[in-house]
PDB file of N, CA and C in Angstrom:
ATOM      1  N   MET A   1     111.550  28.055-254.721  1.00  0.00           N
ATOM      2  CA  MET A   1     112.161  29.349-254.917  1.00  0.00           C
ATOM      3  C   MET A   1     111.287  30.232-255.808  1.00  0.00           C
ATOM      4  N   ASP A   2     110.709  29.636-256.825  1.00  0.00           N
ATOM      5  CA  ASP A   2     109.868  30.399-257.732  1.00  0.00           C
ATOM      6  C   ASP A   2     108.709  31.070-256.989  1.00  0.00           C
ATOM      7  N   ALA A   3     108.158  30.380-256.002  1.00  0.00           N
ATOM      8  CA  ALA A   3     107.041  30.953-255.245  1.00  0.00           C
ATOM      9  C   ALA A   3     107.465  32.219-254.505  1.00  0.00           C
ATOM     10  N   LEU A   4     108.673  32.233-253.951  1.00  0.00           N
ATOM     11  CA  LEU A   4     109.152  33.430-253.264  1.00  0.00           C
ATOM     12  C   LEU A   4     109.322  34.599-254.234  1.00  0.00           C
ATOM     13  N   VAL A   5     109.841  34.304-255.401  1.00  0.00           N
ATOM     14  CA  VAL A   5     110.004  35.348-256.413  1.00  0.00           C
ATOM     15  C   VAL A   5     108.636  35.881-256.843  1.00  0.00           C
ATOM     16  N   GLN A   6     107.701  34.982-257.088  1.00  0.00           N
ATOM     17  CA  GLN A   6     106.351  35.399-257.476  1.00  0.00           C
ATOM     18  C   GLN A   6     105.701  36.232-256.369  1.00  0.00           C
ATOM     19  N   LEU A   7     105.898  35.834-255.112  1.00  0.00           N
ATOM     20  CA  LEU A   7     105.360  36.596-253.989  1.00  0.00           C
ATOM     21  C   LEU A   7     105.979  37.990-253.944  1.00  0.00           C
ATOM     22  N   SER A   8     107.281  38.071-254.179  1.00  0.00           N
ATOM     23  CA  SER A   8     107.925  39.388-254.172  1.00  0.00           C
ATOM     24  C   SER A   8     107.349  40.272-255.277  1.00  0.00           C
ATOM     25  N   PHE A   9     107.020  39.680-256.429  1.00  0.00           N
ATOM     26  CA  PHE A   9     106.383  40.452-257.506  1.00  0.00           C
ATOM     27  C   PHE A   9     105.019  40.965-257.064  1.00  0.00           C
ATOM     28  N   GLN A  10     104.261  40.138-256.364  1.00  0.00           N
ATOM     29  CA  GLN A  10     102.941  40.560-255.869  1.00  0.00           C
ATOM     30  C   GLN A  10     103.084  41.749-254.916  1.00  0.00           C
ATOM     31  N   VAL A  11     104.033  41.657-254.000  1.00  0.00           N
ATOM     32  CA  VAL A  11     104.248  42.740-253.037  1.00  0.00           C
ATOM     33  C   VAL A  11     104.705  44.004-253.765  1.00  0.00           C
ATOM     34  N   GLN A  12     105.584  43.860-254.749  1.00  0.00           N
ATOM     35  CA  GLN A  12     106.027  45.019-255.531  1.00  0.00           C
ATOM     36  C   GLN A  12     104.848  45.673-256.252  1.00  0.00           C
ATOM     37  N   ARG A  13     103.936  44.859-256.778  1.00  0.00           N
ATOM     38  CA  ARG A  13     102.738  45.406-257.437  1.00  0.00           C
ATOM     39  C   ARG A  13     101.884  46.194-256.447  1.00  0.00           C
ATOM     40  N   ILE A  14     101.743  45.672-255.242  1.00  0.00           N
ATOM     41  CA  ILE A  14     100.972  46.382-254.213  1.00  0.00           C
ATOM     42  C   ILE A  14     101.641  47.717-253.892  1.00  0.00           C
ATOM     43  N   LEU A  15     102.944  47.696-253.673  1.00  0.00           N
ATOM     44  CA  LEU A  15     103.662  48.937-253.370  1.00  0.00           C
ATOM     45  C   LEU A  15     103.542  49.938-254.516  1.00  0.00           C
ATOM     46  N   ALA A  16     103.688  49.458-255.734  1.00  0.00           N
ATOM     47  CA  ALA A  16     103.591  50.344-256.900  1.00  0.00           C
ATOM     48  C   ALA A  16     102.193  50.941-257.028  1.00  0.00           C
ATOM     49  N   ALA A  17     101.165  50.133-256.779  1.00  0.00           N
ATOM     50  CA  ALA A  17      99.787  50.624-256.888  1.00  0.00           C
ATOM     51  C   ALA A  17      99.498  51.678-255.823  1.00  0.00           C
ATOM     52  N   VAL A  18      99.893  51.409-254.593  1.00  0.00           N
ATOM     53  CA  VAL A  18      99.676  52.396-253.523  1.00  0.00           C
ATOM     54  C   VAL A  18     100.496  53.647-253.822  1.00  0.00           C
ATOM     55  N   GLY A  19     101.722  53.470-254.265  1.00  0.00           N
ATOM     56  CA  GLY A  19     102.539  54.625-254.619  1.00  0.00           C
ATOM     57  C   GLY A  19     101.907  55.463-255.709  1.00  0.00           C
ATOM     58  N   ALA A  20     101.385  54.810-256.733  1.00  0.00           N
ATOM     59  CA  ALA A  20     100.765  55.538-257.852  1.00  0.00           C
ATOM     60  C   ALA A  20      99.583  56.377-257.380  1.00  0.00           C
ATOM     61  N   GLU A  21      98.844  55.869-256.405  1.00  0.00           N
ATOM     62  CA  GLU A  21      97.706  56.627-255.871  1.00  0.00           C
ATOM     63  C   GLU A  21      98.148  57.924-255.197  1.00  0.00           C
ATOM     64  N   HIS A  22      99.407  57.983-254.785  1.00  0.00           N
ATOM     65  CA  HIS A  22      99.931  59.161-254.086  1.00  0.00           C
ATOM     66  C   HIS A  22     101.076  59.825-254.840  1.00  0.00           C
ATOM     67  N   ASP A  23     101.251  59.446-256.102  1.00  0.00           N
ATOM     68  CA  ASP A  23     102.319  59.975-256.943  1.00  0.00           C
ATOM     69  C   ASP A  23     103.692  59.759-256.307  1.00  0.00           C
ATOM     70  N   LEU A  24     103.898  58.524-255.793  1.00  0.00           N
ATOM     71  CA  LEU A  24     105.164  58.145-255.178  1.00  0.00           C
ATOM     72  C   LEU A  24     105.729  56.923-255.883  1.00  0.00           C
ATOM     73  N   SER A  25     107.038  56.881-256.008  1.00  0.00           N
ATOM     74  CA  SER A  25     107.701  55.679-256.515  1.00  0.00           C
ATOM     75  C   SER A  25     107.848  54.690-255.359  1.00  0.00           C
ATOM     76  N   ILE A  26     108.198  53.457-255.682  1.00  0.00           N
ATOM     77  CA  ILE A  26     108.413  52.467-254.630  1.00  0.00           C
ATOM     78  C   ILE A  26     109.544  52.918-253.703  1.00  0.00           C
ATOM     79  N   ILE A  27     110.593  53.497-254.246  1.00  0.00           N
ATOM     80  CA  ILE A  27     111.712  53.927-253.401  1.00  0.00           C
ATOM     81  C   ILE A  27     111.285  55.077-252.490  1.00  0.00           C
ATOM     82  N   GLN A  28     110.380  55.936-252.959  1.00  0.00           N
ATOM     83  CA  GLN A  28     109.867  57.010-252.105  1.00  0.00           C
ATOM     84  C   GLN A  28     108.991  56.446-250.980  1.00  0.00           C
ATOM     85  N   ILE A  29     108.219  55.409-251.292  1.00  0.00           N
ATOM     86  CA  ILE A  29     107.420  54.741-250.250  1.00  0.00           C
ATOM     87  C   ILE A  29     108.364  54.140-249.209  1.00  0.00           C
ATOM     88  N   ARG A  30     109.415  53.510-249.670  1.00  0.00           N
ATOM     89  CA  ARG A  30     110.379  52.914-248.736  1.00  0.00           C
ATOM     90  C   ARG A  30     111.024  53.989-247.861  1.00  0.00           C
ATOM     91  N   LEU A  31     111.338  55.147-248.446  1.00  0.00           N
ATOM     92  CA  LEU A  31     111.912  56.253-247.666  1.00  0.00           C
ATOM     93  C   LEU A  31     110.957  56.664-246.551  1.00  0.00           C
ATOM     94  N   LEU A  32     109.696  56.879-246.890  1.00  0.00           N
ATOM     95  CA  LEU A  32     108.714  57.268-245.872  1.00  0.00           C
ATOM     96  C   LEU A  32     108.591  56.191-244.800  1.00  0.00           C
ATOM     97  N   GLY A  33     108.636  54.942-245.221  1.00  0.00           N
ATOM     98  CA  GLY A  33     108.546  53.839-244.264  1.00  0.00           C
ATOM     99  C   GLY A  33     109.712  53.831-243.287  1.00  0.00           C
ATOM    100  N   ILE A  34     110.902  54.075-243.785  1.00  0.00           N
ATOM    101  CA  ILE A  34     112.095  54.105-242.929  1.00  0.00           C
ATOM    102  C   ILE A  34     111.990  55.232-241.908  1.00  0.00           C
ATOM    103  N   LEU A  35     111.437  56.358-242.325  1.00  0.00           N
ATOM    104  CA  LEU A  35     111.401  57.541-241.462  1.00  0.00           C
ATOM    105  C   LEU A  35     110.245  57.531-240.466  1.00  0.00           C
ATOM    106  N   ARG A  36     109.370  56.528-240.525  1.00  0.00           N
ATOM    107  CA  ARG A  36     108.228  56.498-239.596  1.00  0.00           C
ATOM    108  C   ARG A  36     108.648  56.507-238.142  1.00  0.00           C
ATOM    109  N   ASP A  37     109.743  55.811-237.811  1.00  0.00           N
ATOM    110  CA  ASP A  37     110.105  55.662-236.405  1.00  0.00           C
ATOM    111  C   ASP A  37     111.537  56.087-236.093  1.00  0.00           C
ATOM    112  N   ARG A  38     112.119  56.887-236.968  1.00  0.00           N
ATOM    113  CA  ARG A  38     113.499  57.327-236.712  1.00  0.00           C
ATOM    114  C   ARG A  38     113.818  58.573-237.521  1.00  0.00           C
ATOM    115  N   GLN A  39     114.907  59.221-237.137  1.00  0.00           N
ATOM    116  CA  GLN A  39     115.438  60.380-237.858  1.00  0.00           C
ATOM    117  C   GLN A  39     116.904  60.089-238.174  1.00  0.00           C
ATOM    118  N   PRO A  40     117.142  59.289-239.200  1.00  0.00           N
ATOM    119  CA  PRO A  40     118.518  58.884-239.512  1.00  0.00           C
ATOM    120  C   PRO A  40     119.285  59.970-240.260  1.00  0.00           C
ATOM    121  N   GLY A  41     120.583  59.770-240.293  1.00  0.00           N
ATOM    122  CA  GLY A  41     121.424  60.598-241.141  1.00  0.00           C
ATOM    123  C   GLY A  41     121.312  60.112-242.580  1.00  0.00           C
ATOM    124  N   MET A  42     121.834  60.897-243.483  1.00  0.00           N
ATOM    125  CA  MET A  42     121.744  60.551-244.906  1.00  0.00           C
ATOM    126  C   MET A  42     122.450  59.231-245.208  1.00  0.00           C
ATOM    127  N   LEU A  43     123.595  58.998-244.586  1.00  0.00           N
ATOM    128  CA  LEU A  43     124.329  57.753-244.823  1.00  0.00           C
ATOM    129  C   LEU A  43     123.488  56.546-244.410  1.00  0.00           C
ATOM    130  N   GLU A  44     122.829  56.639-243.255  1.00  0.00           N
ATOM    131  CA  GLU A  44     121.985  55.532-242.791  1.00  0.00           C
ATOM    132  C   GLU A  44     120.805  55.299-243.727  1.00  0.00           C
ATOM    133  N   VAL A  45     120.202  56.378-244.216  1.00  0.00           N
ATOM    134  CA  VAL A  45     119.093  56.241-245.181  1.00  0.00           C
ATOM    135  C   VAL A  45     119.599  55.506-246.417  1.00  0.00           C
ATOM    136  N   GLY A  46     120.757  55.918-246.913  1.00  0.00           N
ATOM    137  CA  GLY A  46     121.338  55.270-248.086  1.00  0.00           C
ATOM    138  C   GLY A  46     121.600  53.795-247.860  1.00  0.00           C
ATOM    139  N   GLN A  47     122.087  53.443-246.651  1.00  0.00           N
ATOM    140  CA  GLN A  47     122.345  52.039-246.338  1.00  0.00           C
ATOM    141  C   GLN A  47     121.048  51.233-246.304  1.00  0.00           C
ATOM    142  N   HIS A  48     119.994  51.789-245.714  1.00  0.00           N
ATOM    143  CA  HIS A  48     118.709  51.095-245.669  1.00  0.00           C
ATOM    144  C   HIS A  48     118.160  50.843-247.069  1.00  0.00           C
ATOM    145  N   LEU A  49     118.350  51.820-247.948  1.00  0.00           N
ATOM    146  CA  LEU A  49     117.771  51.729-249.292  1.00  0.00           C
ATOM    147  C   LEU A  49     118.730  51.144-250.319  1.00  0.00           C
ATOM    148  N   GLY A  50     119.982  50.959-249.946  1.00  0.00           N
ATOM    149  CA  GLY A  50     120.962  50.438-250.888  1.00  0.00           C
ATOM    150  C   GLY A  50     121.303  51.426-251.991  1.00  0.00           C
ATOM    151  N   LEU A  51     121.331  52.713-251.632  1.00  0.00           N
ATOM    152  CA  LEU A  51     121.611  53.763-252.613  1.00  0.00           C
ATOM    153  C   LEU A  51     122.903  54.483-252.273  1.00  0.00           C
ATOM    154  N   ASP A  52     123.576  55.011-253.310  1.00  0.00           N
ATOM    155  CA  ASP A  52     124.783  55.788-253.067  1.00  0.00           C
ATOM    156  C   ASP A  52     124.412  57.213-252.661  1.00  0.00           C
ATOM    157  N   LYS A  53     125.424  57.976-252.267  1.00  0.00           N
ATOM    158  CA  LYS A  53     125.206  59.315-251.715  1.00  0.00           C
ATOM    159  C   LYS A  53     124.446  60.238-252.672  1.00  0.00           C
ATOM    160  N   SER A  54     124.843  60.247-253.940  1.00  0.00           N
ATOM    161  CA  SER A  54     124.179  61.168-254.875  1.00  0.00           C
ATOM    162  C   SER A  54     122.719  60.769-255.098  1.00  0.00           C
ATOM    163  N   SER A  55     122.442  59.478-255.143  1.00  0.00           N
ATOM    164  CA  SER A  55     121.060  59.026-255.340  1.00  0.00           C
ATOM    165  C   SER A  55     120.198  59.372-254.138  1.00  0.00           C
ATOM    166  N   ILE A  56     120.729  59.181-252.935  1.00  0.00           N
ATOM    167  CA  ILE A  56     119.944  59.468-251.741  1.00  0.00           C
ATOM    168  C   ILE A  56     119.726  60.966-251.589  1.00  0.00           C
ATOM    169  N   THR A  57     120.727  61.754-251.980  1.00  0.00           N
ATOM    170  CA  THR A  57     120.569  63.214-251.918  1.00  0.00           C
ATOM    171  C   THR A  57     119.432  63.661-252.829  1.00  0.00           C
ATOM    172  N   GLY A  58     119.383  63.126-254.039  1.00  0.00           N
ATOM    173  CA  GLY A  58     118.304  63.485-254.961  1.00  0.00           C
ATOM    174  C   GLY A  58     116.948  63.022-254.463  1.00  0.00           C
ATOM    175  N   LEU A  59     116.886  61.814-253.919  1.00  0.00           N
ATOM    176  CA  LEU A  59     115.630  61.276-253.393  1.00  0.00           C
ATOM    177  C   LEU A  59     115.100  62.147-252.259  1.00  0.00           C
ATOM    178  N   VAL A  60     115.973  62.491-251.323  1.00  0.00           N
ATOM    179  CA  VAL A  60     115.561  63.310-250.182  1.00  0.00           C
ATOM    180  C   VAL A  60     115.192  64.723-250.655  1.00  0.00           C
ATOM    181  N   SER A  61     115.938  65.261-251.594  1.00  0.00           N
ATOM    182  CA  SER A  61     115.626  66.606-252.118  1.00  0.00           C
ATOM    183  C   SER A  61     114.244  66.644-252.753  1.00  0.00           C
ATOM    184  N   ARG A  62     113.908  65.621-253.534  1.00  0.00           N
ATOM    185  CA  ARG A  62     112.578  65.585-254.167  1.00  0.00           C
ATOM    186  C   ARG A  62     111.471  65.471-253.118  1.00  0.00           C
ATOM    187  N   ALA A  63     111.696  64.647-252.095  1.00  0.00           N
ATOM    188  CA  ALA A  63     110.697  64.506-251.029  1.00  0.00           C
ATOM    189  C   ALA A  63     110.578  65.804-250.235  1.00  0.00           C
ATOM    190  N   GLU A  64     111.689  66.476-250.054  1.00  0.00           N
ATOM    191  CA  GLU A  64     111.686  67.743-249.327  1.00  0.00           C
ATOM    192  C   GLU A  64     110.906  68.802-250.106  1.00  0.00           C
ATOM    193  N   LYS A  65     111.087  68.846-251.431  1.00  0.00           N
ATOM    194  CA  LYS A  65     110.353  69.804-252.268  1.00  0.00           C
ATOM    195  C   LYS A  65     108.848  69.571-252.201  1.00  0.00           C
ATOM    196  N   ARG A  66     108.445  68.316-251.998  1.00  0.00           N
ATOM    197  CA  ARG A  66     107.014  67.989-251.866  1.00  0.00           C
ATOM    198  C   ARG A  66     106.487  68.238-250.455  1.00  0.00           C
ATOM    199  N   GLY A  67     107.375  68.629-249.553  1.00  0.00           N
ATOM    200  CA  GLY A  67     106.976  68.901-248.182  1.00  0.00           C
ATOM    201  C   GLY A  67     106.786  67.649-247.346  1.00  0.00           C
ATOM    202  N   LEU A  68     107.409  66.533-247.759  1.00  0.00           N
ATOM    203  CA  LEU A  68     107.227  65.265-247.053  1.00  0.00           C
ATOM    204  C   LEU A  68     108.306  64.999-246.010  1.00  0.00           C
ATOM    205  N   VAL A  69     109.495  65.544-246.229  1.00  0.00           N
ATOM    206  CA  VAL A  69     110.595  65.364-245.279  1.00  0.00           C
ATOM    207  C   VAL A  69     111.281  66.701-245.059  1.00  0.00           C
ATOM    208  N   GLN A  70     112.045  66.739-243.981  1.00  0.00           N
ATOM    209  CA  GLN A  70     112.876  67.913-243.727  1.00  0.00           C
ATOM    210  C   GLN A  70     114.248  67.444-243.270  1.00  0.00           C
ATOM    211  N   ARG A  71     115.230  68.250-243.579  1.00  0.00           N
ATOM    212  CA  ARG A  71     116.596  67.964-243.136  1.00  0.00           C
ATOM    213  C   ARG A  71     116.929  68.937-242.010  1.00  0.00           C
ATOM    214  N   THR A  72     117.590  68.411-240.987  1.00  0.00           N
ATOM    215  CA  THR A  72     118.031  69.244-239.876  1.00  0.00           C
ATOM    216  C   THR A  72     119.491  68.907-239.583  1.00  0.00           C
ATOM    217  N   PRO A  73     120.236  69.885-239.083  1.00  0.00           N
ATOM    218  CA  PRO A  73     121.641  69.604-238.752  1.00  0.00           C
ATOM    219  C   PRO A  73     121.739  68.525-237.677  1.00  0.00           C
ATOM    220  N   SER A  74     122.728  67.674-237.821  1.00  0.00           N
ATOM    221  CA  SER A  74     122.967  66.636-236.823  1.00  0.00           C
ATOM    222  C   SER A  74     123.598  67.268-235.590  1.00  0.00           C
ATOM    223  N   PRO A  75     123.081  66.960-234.410  1.00  0.00           N
ATOM    224  CA  PRO A  75     123.685  67.522-233.194  1.00  0.00           C
ATOM    225  C   PRO A  75     125.041  66.882-232.867  1.00  0.00           C
ATOM    226  N   HIS A  76     125.351  65.758-233.505  1.00  0.00           N
ATOM    227  CA  HIS A  76     126.576  65.024-233.210  1.00  0.00           C
ATOM    228  C   HIS A  76     127.658  65.198-234.264  1.00  0.00           C
ATOM    229  N   ASP A  77     127.282  65.730-235.432  1.00  0.00           N
ATOM    230  CA  ASP A  77     128.231  65.855-236.538  1.00  0.00           C
ATOM    231  C   ASP A  77     127.937  67.171-237.246  1.00  0.00           C
ATOM    232  N   GLY A  78     128.850  68.108-237.127  1.00  0.00           N
ATOM    233  CA  GLY A  78     128.634  69.435-237.696  1.00  0.00           C
ATOM    234  C   GLY A  78     128.387  69.445-239.194  1.00  0.00           C
ATOM    235  N   ARG A  79     128.857  68.413-239.903  1.00  0.00           N
ATOM    236  CA  ARG A  79     128.657  68.357-241.350  1.00  0.00           C
ATOM    237  C   ARG A  79     127.457  67.506-241.742  1.00  0.00           C
ATOM    238  N   GLY A  80     126.969  66.704-240.811  1.00  0.00           N
ATOM    239  CA  GLY A  80     125.892  65.770-241.125  1.00  0.00           C
ATOM    240  C   GLY A  80     124.511  66.387-240.979  1.00  0.00           C
ATOM    241  N   VAL A  81     123.556  65.769-241.637  1.00  0.00           N
ATOM    242  CA  VAL A  81     122.161  66.175-241.492  1.00  0.00           C
ATOM    243  C   VAL A  81     121.317  64.950-241.181  1.00  0.00           C
ATOM    244  N   LEU A  82     120.235  65.182-240.466  1.00  0.00           N
ATOM    245  CA  LEU A  82     119.263  64.145-240.169  1.00  0.00           C
ATOM    246  C   LEU A  82     118.047  64.369-241.048  1.00  0.00           C
ATOM    247  N   VAL A  83     117.354  63.296-241.365  1.00  0.00           N
ATOM    248  CA  VAL A  83     116.166  63.377-242.212  1.00  0.00           C
ATOM    249  C   VAL A  83     114.971  62.929-241.382  1.00  0.00           C
ATOM    250  N   ALA A  84     113.900  63.713-241.432  1.00  0.00           N
ATOM    251  CA  ALA A  84     112.696  63.395-240.660  1.00  0.00           C
ATOM    252  C   ALA A  84     111.460  63.680-241.493  1.00  0.00           C
ATOM    253  N   LEU A  85     110.385  62.993-241.150  1.00  0.00           N
ATOM    254  CA  LEU A  85     109.104  63.269-241.794  1.00  0.00           C
ATOM    255  C   LEU A  85     108.551  64.599-241.302  1.00  0.00           C
ATOM    256  N   THR A  86     107.922  65.325-242.200  1.00  0.00           N
ATOM    257  CA  THR A  86     107.137  66.490-241.813  1.00  0.00           C
ATOM    258  C   THR A  86     105.755  65.976-241.406  1.00  0.00           C
ATOM    259  N   PRO A  87     104.901  66.832-240.843  1.00  0.00           N
ATOM    260  CA  PRO A  87     103.540  66.365-240.547  1.00  0.00           C
ATOM    261  C   PRO A  87     102.828  65.821-241.793  1.00  0.00           C
ATOM    262  N   ALA A  88     103.011  66.465-242.929  1.00  0.00           N
ATOM    263  CA  ALA A  88     102.385  65.978-244.168  1.00  0.00           C
ATOM    264  C   ALA A  88     102.978  64.623-244.571  1.00  0.00           C
ATOM    265  N   GLY A  89     104.284  64.476-244.416  1.00  0.00           N
ATOM    266  CA  GLY A  89     104.934  63.209-244.732  1.00  0.00           C
ATOM    267  C   GLY A  89     104.476  62.100-243.802  1.00  0.00           C
ATOM    268  N   ARG A  90     104.287  62.430-242.529  1.00  0.00           N
ATOM    269  CA  ARG A  90     103.807  61.439-241.563  1.00  0.00           C
ATOM    270  C   ARG A  90     102.389  60.991-241.912  1.00  0.00           C
ATOM    271  N   ARG A  91     101.527  61.930-242.265  1.00  0.00           N
ATOM    272  CA  ARG A  91     100.145  61.564-242.669  1.00  0.00           C
ATOM    273  C   ARG A  91     100.160  60.653-243.883  1.00  0.00           C
ATOM    274  N   LEU A  92     100.986  60.993-244.862  1.00  0.00           N
ATOM    275  CA  LEU A  92     101.074  60.182-246.072  1.00  0.00           C
ATOM    276  C   LEU A  92     101.651  58.800-245.760  1.00  0.00           C
ATOM    277  N   ALA A  93     102.672  58.738-244.908  1.00  0.00           N
ATOM    278  CA  ALA A  93     103.250  57.446-244.517  1.00  0.00           C
ATOM    279  C   ALA A  93     102.203  56.590-243.807  1.00  0.00           C
ATOM    280  N   GLU A  94     101.403  57.194-242.937  1.00  0.00           N
ATOM    281  CA  GLU A  94     100.363  56.447-242.222  1.00  0.00           C
ATOM    282  C   GLU A  94      99.279  55.960-243.173  1.00  0.00           C
ATOM    283  N   GLN A  95      98.864  56.824-244.097  1.00  0.00           N
ATOM    284  CA  GLN A  95      97.870  56.404-245.103  1.00  0.00           C
ATOM    285  C   GLN A  95      98.401  55.246-245.932  1.00  0.00           C
ATOM    286  N   GLY A  96      99.626  55.398-246.414  1.00  0.00           N
ATOM    287  CA  GLY A  96     100.226  54.353-247.229  1.00  0.00           C
ATOM    288  C   GLY A  96     100.351  53.048-246.470  1.00  0.00           C
ATOM    289  N   GLU A  97     100.759  53.130-245.199  1.00  0.00           N
ATOM    290  CA  GLU A  97     100.894  51.923-244.390  1.00  0.00           C
ATOM    291  C   GLU A  97      99.548  51.211-244.251  1.00  0.00           C
ATOM    292  N   MET A  98      98.484  51.985-244.008  1.00  0.00           N
ATOM    293  CA  MET A  98      97.155  51.377-243.886  1.00  0.00           C
ATOM    294  C   MET A  98      96.735  50.706-245.192  1.00  0.00           C
ATOM    295  N   GLN A  99      96.969  51.372-246.312  1.00  0.00           N
ATOM    296  CA  GLN A  99      96.588  50.816-247.608  1.00  0.00           C
ATOM    297  C   GLN A  99      97.403  49.566-247.935  1.00  0.00           C
ATOM    298  N   ILE A 100      98.698  49.611-247.674  1.00  0.00           N
ATOM    299  CA  ILE A 100      99.559  48.457-247.951  1.00  0.00           C
ATOM    300  C   ILE A 100      99.159  47.290-247.055  1.00  0.00           C
ATOM    301  N   THR A 101      98.929  47.575-245.782  1.00  0.00           N
ATOM    302  CA  THR A 101      98.516  46.528-244.846  1.00  0.00           C
ATOM    303  C   THR A 101      97.210  45.883-245.294  1.00  0.00           C
ATOM    304  N   ARG A 102      96.264  46.700-245.702  1.00  0.00           N
ATOM    305  CA  ARG A 102      94.971  46.172-246.158  1.00  0.00           C
ATOM    306  C   ARG A 102      95.153  45.260-247.371  1.00  0.00           C
ATOM    307  N   ARG A 103      95.977  45.678-248.310  1.00  0.00           N
ATOM    308  CA  ARG A 103      96.161  44.887-249.530  1.00  0.00           C
ATOM    309  C   ARG A 103      96.969  43.614-249.285  1.00  0.00           C
ATOM    310  N   ILE A 104      97.940  43.688-248.401  1.00  0.00           N
ATOM    311  CA  ILE A 104      98.713  42.480-248.097  1.00  0.00           C
ATOM    312  C   ILE A 104      97.859  41.515-247.271  1.00  0.00           C
ATOM    313  N   THR A 105      97.029  42.060-246.403  1.00  0.00           N
ATOM    314  CA  THR A 105      96.094  41.210-245.654  1.00  0.00           C
ATOM    315  C   THR A 105      95.165  40.495-246.625  1.00  0.00           C
ATOM    316  N   GLU A 106      94.714  41.202-247.633  1.00  0.00           N
ATOM    317  CA  GLU A 106      93.859  40.601-248.663  1.00  0.00           C
ATOM    318  C   GLU A 106      94.614  39.495-249.394  1.00  0.00           C
ATOM    319  N   LEU A 107      95.873  39.739-249.681  1.00  0.00           N
ATOM    320  CA  LEU A 107      96.702  38.745-250.369  1.00  0.00           C
ATOM    321  C   LEU A 107      96.856  37.478-249.530  1.00  0.00           C
ATOM    322  N   THR A 108      96.924  37.635-248.219  1.00  0.00           N
ATOM    323  CA  THR A 108      97.152  36.479-247.344  1.00  0.00           C
ATOM    324  C   THR A 108      95.864  35.900-246.764  1.00  0.00           C
ATOM    325  N   LYS A 109      94.731  36.351-247.232  1.00  0.00           N
ATOM    326  CA  LYS A 109      93.465  35.868-246.663  1.00  0.00           C
ATOM    327  C   LYS A 109      93.239  34.375-246.909  1.00  0.00           C
ATOM    328  N   VAL A 110      93.947  33.786-247.854  1.00  0.00           N
ATOM    329  CA  VAL A 110      93.803  32.349-248.102  1.00  0.00           C
ATOM    330  C   VAL A 110      94.450  31.513-246.998  1.00  0.00           C
ATOM    331  N   LEU A 111      95.249  32.162-246.151  1.00  0.00           N
ATOM    332  CA  LEU A 111      95.878  31.473-245.031  1.00  0.00           C
ATOM    333  C   LEU A 111      94.993  31.594-243.795  1.00  0.00           C
ATOM    334  N   ASN A 112      94.969  30.553-242.982  1.00  0.00           N
ATOM    335  CA  ASN A 112      94.248  30.678-241.720  1.00  0.00           C
ATOM    336  C   ASN A 112      95.150  31.411-240.724  1.00  0.00           C
ATOM    337  N   ALA A 113      94.637  31.700-239.538  1.00  0.00           N
ATOM    338  CA  ALA A 113      95.375  32.499-238.553  1.00  0.00           C
ATOM    339  C   ALA A 113      96.712  31.851-238.180  1.00  0.00           C
ATOM    340  N   THR A 114      96.718  30.558-237.999  1.00  0.00           N
ATOM    341  CA  THR A 114      97.953  29.859-237.646  1.00  0.00           C
ATOM    342  C   THR A 114      98.972  29.950-238.775  1.00  0.00           C
ATOM    343  N   GLN A 115      98.515  29.773-240.002  1.00  0.00           N
ATOM    344  CA  GLN A 115      99.418  29.853-241.155  1.00  0.00           C
ATOM    345  C   GLN A 115      99.981  31.267-241.307  1.00  0.00           C
ATOM    346  N   ARG A 116      99.130  32.296-241.096  1.00  0.00           N
ATOM    347  CA  ARG A 116      99.609  33.677-241.187  1.00  0.00           C
ATOM    348  C   ARG A 116     100.692  33.938-240.148  1.00  0.00           C
ATOM    349  N   LYS A 117     100.471  33.444-238.921  1.00  0.00           N
ATOM    350  CA  LYS A 117     101.460  33.633-237.861  1.00  0.00           C
ATOM    351  C   LYS A 117     102.764  32.929-238.224  1.00  0.00           C
ATOM    352  N   GLU A 118     102.684  31.698-238.707  1.00  0.00           N
ATOM    353  CA  GLU A 118     103.876  30.949-239.107  1.00  0.00           C
ATOM    354  C   GLU A 118     104.588  31.646-240.274  1.00  0.00           C
ATOM    355  N   PHE A 119     103.814  32.094-241.242  1.00  0.00           N
ATOM    356  CA  PHE A 119     104.382  32.776-242.401  1.00  0.00           C
ATOM    357  C   PHE A 119     105.134  34.035-241.962  1.00  0.00           C
ATOM    358  N   THR A 120     104.529  34.808-241.063  1.00  0.00           N
ATOM    359  CA  THR A 120     105.158  36.026-240.563  1.00  0.00           C
ATOM    360  C   THR A 120     106.440  35.699-239.815  1.00  0.00           C
ATOM    361  N   GLN A 121     106.414  34.651-239.005  1.00  0.00           N
ATOM    362  CA  GLN A 121     107.617  34.250-238.279  1.00  0.00           C
ATOM    363  C   GLN A 121     108.726  33.813-239.230  1.00  0.00           C
ATOM    364  N   LEU A 122     108.376  33.032-240.226  1.00  0.00           N
ATOM    365  CA  LEU A 122     109.375  32.573-241.191  1.00  0.00           C
ATOM    366  C   LEU A 122     109.951  33.747-241.991  1.00  0.00           C
ATOM    367  N   ALA A 123     109.092  34.666-242.394  1.00  0.00           N
ATOM    368  CA  ALA A 123     109.564  35.838-243.131  1.00  0.00           C
ATOM    369  C   ALA A 123     110.520  36.663-242.259  1.00  0.00           C
ATOM    370  N   SER A 124     110.208  36.775-240.980  1.00  0.00           N
ATOM    371  CA  SER A 124     111.091  37.513-240.056  1.00  0.00           C
ATOM    372  C   SER A 124     112.459  36.851-239.958  1.00  0.00           C
ATOM    373  N   VAL A 125     112.482  35.529-239.945  1.00  0.00           N
ATOM    374  CA  VAL A 125     113.765  34.822-239.902  1.00  0.00           C
ATOM    375  C   VAL A 125     114.563  35.100-241.163  1.00  0.00           C
ATOM    376  N   LEU A 126     113.907  35.088-242.314  1.00  0.00           N
ATOM    377  CA  LEU A 126     114.614  35.372-243.567  1.00  0.00           C
ATOM    378  C   LEU A 126     115.150  36.812-243.619  1.00  0.00           C
ATOM    379  N   LEU A 127     114.403  37.744-243.038  1.00  0.00           N
ATOM    380  CA  LEU A 127     114.806  39.143-243.079  1.00  0.00           C
ATOM    381  C   LEU A 127     115.839  39.493-242.028  1.00  0.00           C
ATOM    382  N   ASN A 128     115.910  38.716-240.969  1.00  0.00           N
ATOM    383  CA  ASN A 128     116.841  38.991-239.872  1.00  0.00           C
ATOM    384  C   ASN A 128     117.633  37.731-239.521  1.00  0.00           C
ATOM    385  N   PRO A 129     118.488  37.278-240.441  1.00  0.00           N
ATOM    386  CA  PRO A 129     119.216  36.023-240.189  1.00  0.00           C
ATOM    387  C   PRO A 129     120.177  36.113-239.005  1.00  0.00           C
TER     388      PRO A 129
END
């Protein structure tokens, strides 16, 4: 169990370092990551991040002020809004993804190809029980 906790600390350090290079917090990196392939409503964003409504509103507002996300009215709910990456937010999300991938690949370089594949499969099982 200790090894999993230590690994999570390593990943958090990678996320924090990449975030610092772009003046982003870990939660802001996670927001950009969530928005890479979807345009969720605020409630869904909050559920993904484990944040309450007021926290997610502030997070999205700060990202919007930086020009990274935009809110649009939901076509299905007159009171709801959807959150999407702007072109600048998409570029930053792609840059961050490349940097994070490179650093995590470096972290796992001690594993051979078979071990990396097994590790990825096991991690997927833990994340999607």
